[in-house]
PDB file of N, CA and C in Angstrom:
ATOM      1  N   MET A   1       0.839  -1.176   0.000  1.00  0.00           N
ATOM      2  CA  MET A   1       0.000   0.000   0.000  1.00  0.00           C
ATOM      3  C   MET A   1       0.884   1.239   0.000  1.00  0.00           C
ATOM      4  N   SER A   2       0.629   2.153  -0.903  1.00  0.00           N
ATOM      5  CA  SER A   2       1.435   3.372  -0.940  1.00  0.00           C
ATOM      6  C   SER A   2       0.679   4.508  -0.259  1.00  0.00           C
ATOM      7  N   PHE A   3       1.421   5.375   0.368  1.00  0.00           N
ATOM      8  CA  PHE A   3       0.846   6.522   1.061  1.00  0.00           C
ATOM      9  C   PHE A   3       1.279   7.791   0.354  1.00  0.00           C
ATOM     10  N   THR A   4       0.403   8.759   0.379  1.00  0.00           N
ATOM     11  CA  THR A   4       0.852  10.075  -0.033  1.00  0.00           C
ATOM     12  C   THR A   4       1.635  10.649   1.134  1.00  0.00           C
ATOM     13  N   VAL A   5       2.346  11.711   0.894  1.00  0.00           N
ATOM     14  CA  VAL A   5       3.113  12.339   1.966  1.00  0.00           C
ATOM     15  C   VAL A   5       2.184  12.716   3.110  1.00  0.00           C
ATOM     16  N   ASN A   6       1.017  13.282   2.778  1.00  0.00           N
ATOM     17  CA  ASN A   6       0.075  13.708   3.802  1.00  0.00           C
ATOM     18  C   ASN A   6      -0.445  12.520   4.605  1.00  0.00           C
ATOM     19  N   ASP A   7      -0.787  11.419   3.937  1.00  0.00           N
ATOM     20  CA  ASP A   7      -1.271  10.232   4.637  1.00  0.00           C
ATOM     21  C   ASP A   7      -0.202   9.679   5.564  1.00  0.00           C
ATOM     22  N   ASP A   8       1.015   9.616   5.083  1.00  0.00           N
ATOM     23  CA  ASP A   8       2.117   9.107   5.894  1.00  0.00           C
ATOM     24  C   ASP A   8       2.341  10.011   7.105  1.00  0.00           C
ATOM     25  N   PHE A   9       2.308  11.313   6.876  1.00  0.00           N
ATOM     26  CA  PHE A   9       2.477  12.267   7.972  1.00  0.00           C
ATOM     27  C   PHE A   9       1.359  12.106   8.997  1.00  0.00           C
ATOM     28  N   ASN A  10       0.107  12.028   8.516  1.00  0.00           N
ATOM     29  CA  ASN A  10      -1.031  11.895   9.427  1.00  0.00           C
ATOM     30  C   ASN A  10      -0.963  10.606  10.227  1.00  0.00           C
ATOM     31  N   GLU A  11      -0.482   9.551   9.604  1.00  0.00           N
ATOM     32  CA  GLU A  11      -0.344   8.280  10.315  1.00  0.00           C
ATOM     33  C   GLU A  11       0.692   8.408  11.440  1.00  0.00           C
ATOM     34  N   LYS A  12       1.801   9.040  11.138  1.00  0.00           N
ATOM     35  CA  LYS A  12       2.835   9.237  12.163  1.00  0.00           C
ATOM     36  C   LYS A  12       2.349  10.184  13.256  1.00  0.00           C
ATOM     37  N   LEU A  13       1.633  11.221  12.854  1.00  0.00           N
ATOM     38  CA  LEU A  13       1.084  12.156  13.826  1.00  0.00           C
ATOM     39  C   LEU A  13       0.076  11.460  14.737  1.00  0.00           C
ATOM     40  N   ALA A  14      -0.726  10.567  14.169  1.00  0.00           N
ATOM     41  CA  ALA A  14      -1.706   9.821  14.965  1.00  0.00           C
ATOM     42  C   ALA A  14      -1.022   8.978  16.029  1.00  0.00           C
ATOM     43  N   ASP A  15       0.152   8.468  15.715  1.00  0.00           N
ATOM     44  CA  ASP A  15       0.908   7.702  16.708  1.00  0.00           C
ATOM     45  C   ASP A  15       1.318   8.581  17.887  1.00  0.00           C
ATOM     46  N   ILE A  16       1.502   9.866  17.624  1.00  0.00           N
ATOM     47  CA  ILE A  16       1.956  10.792  18.665  1.00  0.00           C
ATOM     48  C   ILE A  16       0.786  11.387  19.444  1.00  0.00           C
ATOM     49  N   ILE A  17      -0.212  11.910  18.728  1.00  0.00           N
ATOM     50  CA  ILE A  17      -1.296  12.627  19.410  1.00  0.00           C
ATOM     51  C   ILE A  17      -2.617  11.877  19.426  1.00  0.00           C
ATOM     52  N   GLY A  18      -2.705  10.776  18.716  1.00  0.00           N
ATOM     53  CA  GLY A  18      -3.922   9.977  18.696  1.00  0.00           C
ATOM     54  C   GLY A  18      -4.753  10.213  17.445  1.00  0.00           C
ATOM     55  N   LYS A  19      -5.437   9.171  17.020  1.00  0.00           N
ATOM     56  CA  LYS A  19      -6.238   9.234  15.792  1.00  0.00           C
ATOM     57  C   LYS A  19      -7.387  10.223  15.901  1.00  0.00           C
ATOM     58  N   ASP A  20      -8.021  10.275  17.073  1.00  0.00           N
ATOM     59  CA  ASP A  20      -9.150  11.193  17.230  1.00  0.00           C
ATOM     60  C   ASP A  20      -8.722  12.642  17.053  1.00  0.00           C
ATOM     61  N   ARG A  21      -7.579  12.994  17.591  1.00  0.00           N
ATOM     62  CA  ARG A  21      -7.083  14.370  17.472  1.00  0.00           C
ATOM     63  C   ARG A  21      -6.733  14.689  16.013  1.00  0.00           C
ATOM     64  N   VAL A  22      -6.153  13.721  15.300  1.00  0.00           N
ATOM     65  CA  VAL A  22      -5.845  13.924  13.877  1.00  0.00           C
ATOM     66  C   VAL A  22      -7.140  14.140  13.099  1.00  0.00           C
ATOM     67  N   LYS A  23      -8.189  13.381  13.411  1.00  0.00           N
ATOM     68  CA  LYS A  23      -9.479  13.558  12.738  1.00  0.00           C
ATOM     69  C   LYS A  23     -10.037  14.955  12.988  1.00  0.00           C
ATOM     70  N   GLU A  24      -9.911  15.432  14.221  1.00  0.00           N
ATOM     71  CA  GLU A  24     -10.370  16.788  14.542  1.00  0.00           C
ATOM     72  C   GLU A  24      -9.632  17.825  13.699  1.00  0.00           C
ATOM     73  N   ILE A  25      -8.334  17.654  13.583  1.00  0.00           N
ATOM     74  CA  ILE A  25      -7.519  18.586  12.797  1.00  0.00           C
ATOM     75  C   ILE A  25      -7.922  18.540  11.327  1.00  0.00           C
ATOM     76  N   GLU A  26      -8.131  17.340  10.798  1.00  0.00           N
ATOM     77  CA  GLU A  26      -8.541  17.197   9.399  1.00  0.00           C
ATOM     78  C   GLU A  26      -9.889  17.863   9.159  1.00  0.00           C
ATOM     79  N   GLN A  27     -10.823  17.686  10.094  1.00  0.00           N
ATOM     80  CA  GLN A  27     -12.143  18.293   9.950  1.00  0.00           C
ATOM     81  C   GLN A  27     -12.056  19.815  10.019  1.00  0.00           C
ATOM     82  N   ARG A  28     -11.245  20.333  10.922  1.00  0.00           N
ATOM     83  CA  ARG A  28     -11.065  21.775  11.046  1.00  0.00           C
ATOM     84  C   ARG A  28     -10.456  22.339   9.761  1.00  0.00           C
ATOM     85  N   ASP A  29      -9.460  21.633   9.223  1.00  0.00           N
ATOM     86  CA  ASP A  29      -8.815  22.078   7.984  1.00  0.00           C
ATOM     87  C   ASP A  29      -9.781  22.038   6.802  1.00  0.00           C
ATOM     88  N   TYR A  30     -10.625  21.019   6.768  1.00  0.00           N
ATOM     89  CA  TYR A  30     -11.617  20.897   5.703  1.00  0.00           C
ATOM     90  C   TYR A  30     -12.589  22.077   5.757  1.00  0.00           C
ATOM     91  N   LEU A  31     -13.063  22.396   6.954  1.00  0.00           N
ATOM     92  CA  LEU A  31     -13.980  23.521   7.108  1.00  0.00           C
ATOM     93  C   LEU A  31     -13.306  24.828   6.697  1.00  0.00           C
ATOM     94  N   ALA A  32     -12.084  25.020   7.114  1.00  0.00           N
ATOM     95  CA  ALA A  32     -11.341  26.232   6.756  1.00  0.00           C
ATOM     96  C   ALA A  32     -11.223  26.357   5.236  1.00  0.00           C
ATOM     97  N   ALA A  33     -10.913  25.259   4.578  1.00  0.00           N
ATOM     98  CA  ALA A  33     -10.782  25.268   3.114  1.00  0.00           C
ATOM     99  C   ALA A  33     -12.113  25.593   2.441  1.00  0.00           C
ATOM    100  N   GLN A  34     -13.209  25.122   3.017  1.00  0.00           N
ATOM    101  CA  GLN A  34     -14.527  25.414   2.462  1.00  0.00           C
ATOM    102  C   GLN A  34     -14.856  26.902   2.577  1.00  0.00           C
ATOM    103  N   ILE A  35     -14.501  27.495   3.703  1.00  0.00           N
ATOM    104  CA  ILE A  35     -14.746  28.929   3.880  1.00  0.00           C
ATOM    105  C   ILE A  35     -13.974  29.722   2.830  1.00  0.00           C
ATOM    106  N   VAL A  36     -12.704  29.393   2.659  1.00  0.00           N
ATOM    107  CA  VAL A  36     -11.871  30.085   1.664  1.00  0.00           C
ATOM    108  C   VAL A  36     -12.459  29.902   0.262  1.00  0.00           C
ATOM    109  N   SER A  37     -12.809  28.676  -0.073  1.00  0.00           N
ATOM    110  CA  SER A  37     -13.328  28.373  -1.402  1.00  0.00           C
ATOM    111  C   SER A  37     -14.602  29.160  -1.706  1.00  0.00           C
ATOM    112  N   HIS A  38     -15.532  29.165  -0.773  1.00  0.00           N
ATOM    113  CA  HIS A  38     -16.799  29.872  -1.004  1.00  0.00           C
ATOM    114  C   HIS A  38     -16.599  31.386  -1.029  1.00  0.00           C
ATOM    115  N   ARG A  39     -15.692  31.887  -0.203  1.00  0.00           N
ATOM    116  CA  ARG A  39     -15.413  33.332  -0.226  1.00  0.00           C
ATOM    117  C   ARG A  39     -14.837  33.730  -1.588  1.00  0.00           C
ATOM    118  N   ARG A  40     -13.922  32.930  -2.085  1.00  0.00           N
ATOM    119  CA  ARG A  40     -13.309  33.241  -3.386  1.00  0.00           C
ATOM    120  C   ARG A  40     -14.322  33.141  -4.520  1.00  0.00           C
ATOM    121  N   LYS A  41     -15.223  32.154  -4.447  1.00  0.00           N
ATOM    122  CA  LYS A  41     -16.261  32.033  -5.473  1.00  0.00           C
ATOM    123  C   LYS A  41     -17.146  33.271  -5.506  1.00  0.00           C
ATOM    124  N   LYS A  42     -17.363  33.852  -4.346  1.00  0.00           N
ATOM    125  CA  LYS A  42     -18.164  35.080  -4.256  1.00  0.00           C
ATOM    126  C   LYS A  42     -17.328  36.319  -4.569  1.00  0.00           C
ATOM    127  N   GLN A  43     -16.047  36.106  -4.835  1.00  0.00           N
ATOM    128  CA  GLN A  43     -15.104  37.191  -5.129  1.00  0.00           C
ATOM    129  C   GLN A  43     -15.116  38.250  -4.021  1.00  0.00           C
ATOM    130  N   MET A  44     -15.084  37.748  -2.793  1.00  0.00           N
ATOM    131  CA  MET A  44     -15.055  38.617  -1.617  1.00  0.00           C
ATOM    132  C   MET A  44     -13.656  38.618  -1.022  1.00  0.00           C
ATOM    133  N   THR A  45     -13.276  39.750  -0.480  1.00  0.00           N
ATOM    134  CA  THR A  45     -12.031  39.810   0.278  1.00  0.00           C
ATOM    135  C   THR A  45     -12.323  39.353   1.709  1.00  0.00           C
ATOM    136  N   GLN A  46     -11.266  39.087   2.442  1.00  0.00           N
ATOM    137  CA  GLN A  46     -11.451  38.737   3.849  1.00  0.00           C
ATOM    138  C   GLN A  46     -12.106  39.892   4.597  1.00  0.00           C
ATOM    139  N   GLN A  47     -11.726  41.105   4.267  1.00  0.00           N
ATOM    140  CA  GLN A  47     -12.314  42.285   4.913  1.00  0.00           C
ATOM    141  C   GLN A  47     -13.806  42.382   4.618  1.00  0.00           C
ATOM    142  N   GLU A  48     -14.191  42.132   3.381  1.00  0.00           N
ATOM    143  CA  GLU A  48     -15.610  42.189   3.010  1.00  0.00           C
ATOM    144  C   GLU A  48     -16.413  41.119   3.737  1.00  0.00           C
ATOM    145  N   LEU A  49     -15.850  39.925   3.841  1.00  0.00           N
ATOM    146  CA  LEU A  49     -16.544  38.859   4.562  1.00  0.00           C
ATOM    147  C   LEU A  49     -16.660  39.205   6.041  1.00  0.00           C
ATOM    148  N   ALA A  50     -15.596  39.731   6.598  1.00  0.00           N
ATOM    149  CA  ALA A  50     -15.625  40.127   8.009  1.00  0.00           C
ATOM    150  C   ALA A  50     -16.737  41.146   8.256  1.00  0.00           C
ATOM    151  N   LYS A  51     -16.826  42.130   7.387  1.00  0.00           N
ATOM    152  CA  LYS A  51     -17.863  43.156   7.535  1.00  0.00           C
ATOM    153  C   LYS A  51     -19.254  42.543   7.389  1.00  0.00           C
ATOM    154  N   ALA A  52     -19.401  41.622   6.449  1.00  0.00           N
ATOM    155  CA  ALA A  52     -20.701  40.997   6.196  1.00  0.00           C
ATOM    156  C   ALA A  52     -21.205  40.189   7.389  1.00  0.00           C
ATOM    157  N   ILE A  53     -20.286  39.616   8.162  1.00  0.00           N
ATOM    158  CA  ILE A  53     -20.732  38.809   9.306  1.00  0.00           C
ATOM    159  C   ILE A  53     -20.454  39.507  10.639  1.00  0.00           C
ATOM    160  N   ASN A  54     -20.041  40.777  10.538  1.00  0.00           N
ATOM    161  CA  ASN A  54     -19.853  41.616  11.726  1.00  0.00           C
ATOM    162  C   ASN A  54     -18.788  41.086  12.688  1.00  0.00           C
ATOM    163  N   VAL A  55     -17.638  40.737  12.117  1.00  0.00           N
ATOM    164  CA  VAL A  55     -16.475  40.348  12.923  1.00  0.00           C
ATOM    165  C   VAL A  55     -15.262  41.107  12.396  1.00  0.00           C
ATOM    166  N   ALA A  56     -14.188  41.064  13.130  1.00  0.00           N
ATOM    167  CA  ALA A  56     -12.948  41.701  12.689  1.00  0.00           C
ATOM    168  C   ALA A  56     -12.243  40.821  11.653  1.00  0.00           C
ATOM    169  N   LYS A  57     -11.496  41.450  10.767  1.00  0.00           N
ATOM    170  CA  LYS A  57     -10.761  40.706   9.739  1.00  0.00           C
ATOM    171  C   LYS A  57      -9.866  39.620  10.336  1.00  0.00           C
ATOM    172  N   PRO A  58      -9.174  39.854  11.457  1.00  0.00           N
ATOM    173  CA  PRO A  58      -8.349  38.776  12.026  1.00  0.00           C
ATOM    174  C   PRO A  58      -9.146  37.510  12.374  1.00  0.00           C
ATOM    175  N   THR A  59     -10.430  37.676  12.663  1.00  0.00           N
ATOM    176  CA  THR A  59     -11.270  36.501  12.920  1.00  0.00           C
ATOM    177  C   THR A  59     -11.386  35.658  11.659  1.00  0.00           C
ATOM    178  N   ILE A  60     -11.594  36.307  10.526  1.00  0.00           N
ATOM    179  CA  ILE A  60     -11.678  35.582   9.251  1.00  0.00           C
ATOM    180  C   ILE A  60     -10.345  34.906   8.955  1.00  0.00           C
ATOM    181  N   ILE A  61      -9.262  35.603   9.198  1.00  0.00           N
ATOM    182  CA  ILE A  61      -7.934  35.027   8.966  1.00  0.00           C
ATOM    183  C   ILE A  61      -7.748  33.767   9.812  1.00  0.00           C
ATOM    184  N   ARG A  62      -8.139  33.826  11.078  1.00  0.00           N
ATOM    185  CA  ARG A  62      -7.997  32.653  11.958  1.00  0.00           C
ATOM    186  C   ARG A  62      -8.907  31.514  11.511  1.00  0.00           C
ATOM    187  N   LEU A  63     -10.128  31.837  11.089  1.00  0.00           N
ATOM    188  CA  LEU A  63     -11.048  30.804  10.608  1.00  0.00           C
ATOM    189  C   LEU A  63     -10.497  30.127   9.356  1.00  0.00           C
ATOM    190  N   GLU A  64     -10.001  30.931   8.426  1.00  0.00           N
ATOM    191  CA  GLU A  64      -9.512  30.388   7.160  1.00  0.00           C
ATOM    192  C   GLU A  64      -8.193  29.642   7.304  1.00  0.00           C
ATOM    193  N   SER A  65      -7.460  29.929   8.341  1.00  0.00           N
ATOM    194  CA  SER A  65      -6.199  29.211   8.557  1.00  0.00           C
ATOM    195  C   SER A  65      -6.391  28.005   9.464  1.00  0.00           C
ATOM    196  N   GLY A  66      -7.599  27.828   9.980  1.00  0.00           N
ATOM    197  CA  GLY A  66      -7.876  26.688  10.848  1.00  0.00           C
ATOM    198  C   GLY A  66      -7.397  26.876  12.273  1.00  0.00           C
ATOM    199  N   LEU A  67      -7.033  28.096  12.631  1.00  0.00           N
ATOM    200  CA  LEU A  67      -6.543  28.345  13.988  1.00  0.00           C
ATOM    201  C   LEU A  67      -7.663  28.419  15.010  1.00  0.00           C
ATOM    202  N   THR A  68      -8.868  28.672  14.535  1.00  0.00           N
ATOM    203  CA  THR A  68     -10.024  28.708  15.424  1.00  0.00           C
ATOM    204  C   THR A  68     -11.208  28.082  14.708  1.00  0.00           C
ATOM    205  N   GLN A  69     -12.152  27.599  15.487  1.00  0.00           N
ATOM    206  CA  GLN A  69     -13.345  26.992  14.918  1.00  0.00           C
ATOM    207  C   GLN A  69     -14.531  27.916  15.152  1.00  0.00           C
ATOM    208  N   PRO A  70     -15.365  28.078  14.137  1.00  0.00           N
ATOM    209  CA  PRO A  70     -16.520  28.957  14.307  1.00  0.00           C
ATOM    210  C   PRO A  70     -17.573  28.323  15.212  1.00  0.00           C
ATOM    211  N   ASN A  71     -18.253  29.165  15.974  1.00  0.00           N
ATOM    212  CA  ASN A  71     -19.383  28.658  16.742  1.00  0.00           C
ATOM    213  C   ASN A  71     -20.592  28.579  15.812  1.00  0.00           C
ATOM    214  N   TYR A  72     -21.698  28.094  16.345  1.00  0.00           N
ATOM    215  CA  TYR A  72     -22.887  27.883  15.521  1.00  0.00           C
ATOM    216  C   TYR A  72     -23.366  29.188  14.886  1.00  0.00           C
ATOM    217  N   GLN A  73     -23.404  30.265  15.655  1.00  0.00           N
ATOM    218  CA  GLN A  73     -23.877  31.548  15.125  1.00  0.00           C
ATOM    219  C   GLN A  73     -22.976  32.047  13.999  1.00  0.00           C
ATOM    220  N   THR A  74     -21.678  31.871  14.162  1.00  0.00           N
ATOM    221  CA  THR A  74     -20.746  32.289  13.112  1.00  0.00           C
ATOM    222  C   THR A  74     -20.941  31.447  11.857  1.00  0.00           C
ATOM    223  N   LEU A  75     -21.177  30.156  12.027  1.00  0.00           N
ATOM    224  CA  LEU A  75     -21.455  29.298  10.870  1.00  0.00           C
ATOM    225  C   LEU A  75     -22.703  29.772  10.122  1.00  0.00           C
ATOM    226  N   LEU A  76     -23.743  30.119  10.869  1.00  0.00           N
ATOM    227  CA  LEU A  76     -24.962  30.626  10.227  1.00  0.00           C
ATOM    228  C   LEU A  76     -24.682  31.923   9.473  1.00  0.00           C
ATOM    229  N   SER A  77     -23.930  32.806  10.095  1.00  0.00           N
ATOM    230  CA  SER A  77     -23.584  34.076   9.447  1.00  0.00           C
ATOM    231  C   SER A  77     -22.758  33.848   8.188  1.00  0.00           C
ATOM    232  N   LEU A  78     -21.797  32.933   8.259  1.00  0.00           N
ATOM    233  CA  LEU A  78     -20.991  32.600   7.081  1.00  0.00           C
ATOM    234  C   LEU A  78     -21.865  32.036   5.972  1.00  0.00           C
ATOM    235  N   SER A  79     -22.786  31.163   6.336  1.00  0.00           N
ATOM    236  CA  SER A  79     -23.681  30.555   5.361  1.00  0.00           C
ATOM    237  C   SER A  79     -24.488  31.623   4.625  1.00  0.00           C
ATOM    238  N   ARG A  80     -25.009  32.579   5.377  1.00  0.00           N
ATOM    239  CA  ARG A  80     -25.797  33.658   4.758  1.00  0.00           C
ATOM    240  C   ARG A  80     -24.922  34.555   3.880  1.00  0.00           C
ATOM    241  N   ALA A  81     -23.791  34.970   4.424  1.00  0.00           N
ATOM    242  CA  ALA A  81     -22.924  35.901   3.691  1.00  0.00           C
ATOM    243  C   ALA A  81     -22.355  35.280   2.421  1.00  0.00           C
ATOM    244  N   LEU A  82     -22.076  33.986   2.477  1.00  0.00           N
ATOM    245  CA  LEU A  82     -21.483  33.305   1.329  1.00  0.00           C
ATOM    246  C   LEU A  82     -22.539  32.660   0.436  1.00  0.00           C
ATOM    247  N   ASP A  83     -23.803  32.814   0.834  1.00  0.00           N
ATOM    248  CA  ASP A  83     -24.927  32.274   0.062  1.00  0.00           C
ATOM    249  C   ASP A  83     -24.729  30.791  -0.252  1.00  0.00           C
ATOM    250  N   THR A  84     -24.407  30.056   0.789  1.00  0.00           N
ATOM    251  CA  THR A  84     -24.193  28.618   0.650  1.00  0.00           C
ATOM    252  C   THR A  84     -24.891  27.915   1.807  1.00  0.00           C
ATOM    253  N   PRO A  85     -25.468  26.752   1.558  1.00  0.00           N
ATOM    254  CA  PRO A  85     -26.175  26.074   2.646  1.00  0.00           C
ATOM    255  C   PRO A  85     -25.218  25.586   3.727  1.00  0.00           C
ATOM    256  N   LEU A  86     -25.717  25.599   4.941  1.00  0.00           N
ATOM    257  CA  LEU A  86     -24.975  25.047   6.067  1.00  0.00           C
ATOM    258  C   LEU A  86     -25.457  23.622   6.253  1.00  0.00           C
ATOM    259  N   ILE A  87     -24.570  22.674   6.005  1.00  0.00           N
ATOM    260  CA  ILE A  87     -24.923  21.263   6.123  1.00  0.00           C
ATOM    261  C   ILE A  87     -24.016  20.640   7.166  1.00  0.00           C
ATOM    262  N   ILE A  88     -24.617  20.138   8.225  1.00  0.00           N
ATOM    263  CA  ILE A  88     -23.861  19.439   9.256  1.00  0.00           C
ATOM    264  C   ILE A  88     -23.849  17.971   8.852  1.00  0.00           C
ATOM    265  N   ASP A  89     -22.678  17.460   8.528  1.00  0.00           N
ATOM    266  CA  ASP A  89     -22.552  16.100   8.011  1.00  0.00           C
ATOM    267  C   ASP A  89     -21.818  15.223   9.011  1.00  0.00           C
ATOM    268  N   ALA A  90     -22.567  14.429   9.741  1.00  0.00           N
ATOM    269  CA  ALA A  90     -21.970  13.535  10.732  1.00  0.00           C
ATOM    270  C   ALA A  90     -21.231  12.378  10.072  1.00  0.00           C
ATOM    271  N   LYS A  91     -21.348  12.252   8.767  1.00  0.00           N
ATOM    272  CA  LYS A  91     -20.694  11.158   8.053  1.00  0.00           C
ATOM    273  C   LYS A  91     -19.418  11.626   7.369  1.00  0.00           C
ATOM    274  N   TYR A  92     -18.804  12.679   7.875  1.00  0.00           N
ATOM    275  CA  TYR A  92     -17.575  13.231   7.294  1.00  0.00           C
ATOM    276  C   TYR A  92     -16.525  12.149   7.095  1.00  0.00           C
ATOM    277  N   GLU A  93     -16.331  11.325   8.109  1.00  0.00           N
ATOM    278  CA  GLU A  93     -15.290  10.293   8.036  1.00  0.00           C
ATOM    279  C   GLU A  93     -15.556   9.320   6.893  1.00  0.00           C
ATOM    280  N   GLU A  94     -16.817   8.957   6.688  1.00  0.00           N
ATOM    281  CA  GLU A  94     -17.150   8.049   5.592  1.00  0.00           C
ATOM    282  C   GLU A  94     -16.820   8.690   4.244  1.00  0.00           C
ATOM    283  N   HIS A  95     -17.088   9.990   4.104  1.00  0.00           N
ATOM    284  CA  HIS A  95     -16.763  10.698   2.861  1.00  0.00           C
ATOM    285  C   HIS A  95     -15.259  10.700   2.621  1.00  0.00           C
ATOM    286  N   GLN A  96     -14.497  10.943   3.672  1.00  0.00           N
ATOM    287  CA  GLN A  96     -13.046  10.975   3.546  1.00  0.00           C
ATOM    288  C   GLN A  96     -12.513   9.590   3.178  1.00  0.00           C
ATOM    289  N   ASN A  97     -13.054   8.551   3.787  1.00  0.00           N
ATOM    290  CA  ASN A  97     -12.606   7.190   3.484  1.00  0.00           C
ATOM    291  C   ASN A  97     -12.955   6.790   2.057  1.00  0.00           C
ATOM    292  N   ALA A  98     -14.057   7.300   1.537  1.00  0.00           N
ATOM    293  CA  ALA A  98     -14.463   6.978   0.174  1.00  0.00           C
ATOM    294  C   ALA A  98     -13.506   7.574  -0.850  1.00  0.00           C
ATOM    295  N   LYS A  99     -12.822   8.647  -0.479  1.00  0.00           N
ATOM    296  CA  LYS A  99     -11.875   9.292  -1.387  1.00  0.00           C
ATOM    297  C   LYS A  99     -10.596   8.490  -1.540  1.00  0.00           C
ATOM    298  N   THR A 100     -10.294   7.646  -0.565  1.00  0.00           N
ATOM    299  CA  THR A 100      -9.029   6.899  -0.613  1.00  0.00           C
ATOM    300  C   THR A 100      -9.213   5.521  -1.185  1.00  0.00           C
TER     301      THR A 100
END
């Protein structure tokens, strides 16, 4: 079985911090990437998105870099501002496994 660099890294990281923690990090990174992707599709700057959801630009920077996780209200605000549905998918892990 061959691993990509990321898979190999995540496997080694799981040995250090645990599989559950690696899954949390992957989910946080996935959410961050979705925020960036939808913001870019709307051709919005980070400042414009921050203003639209009534937060400071550094908050958007932290969300998009995965340094912080949005609370429920922030997720709703992001969904409205980015005109994208908010879907809570408890089957995230199954989707990720299907990709490999």
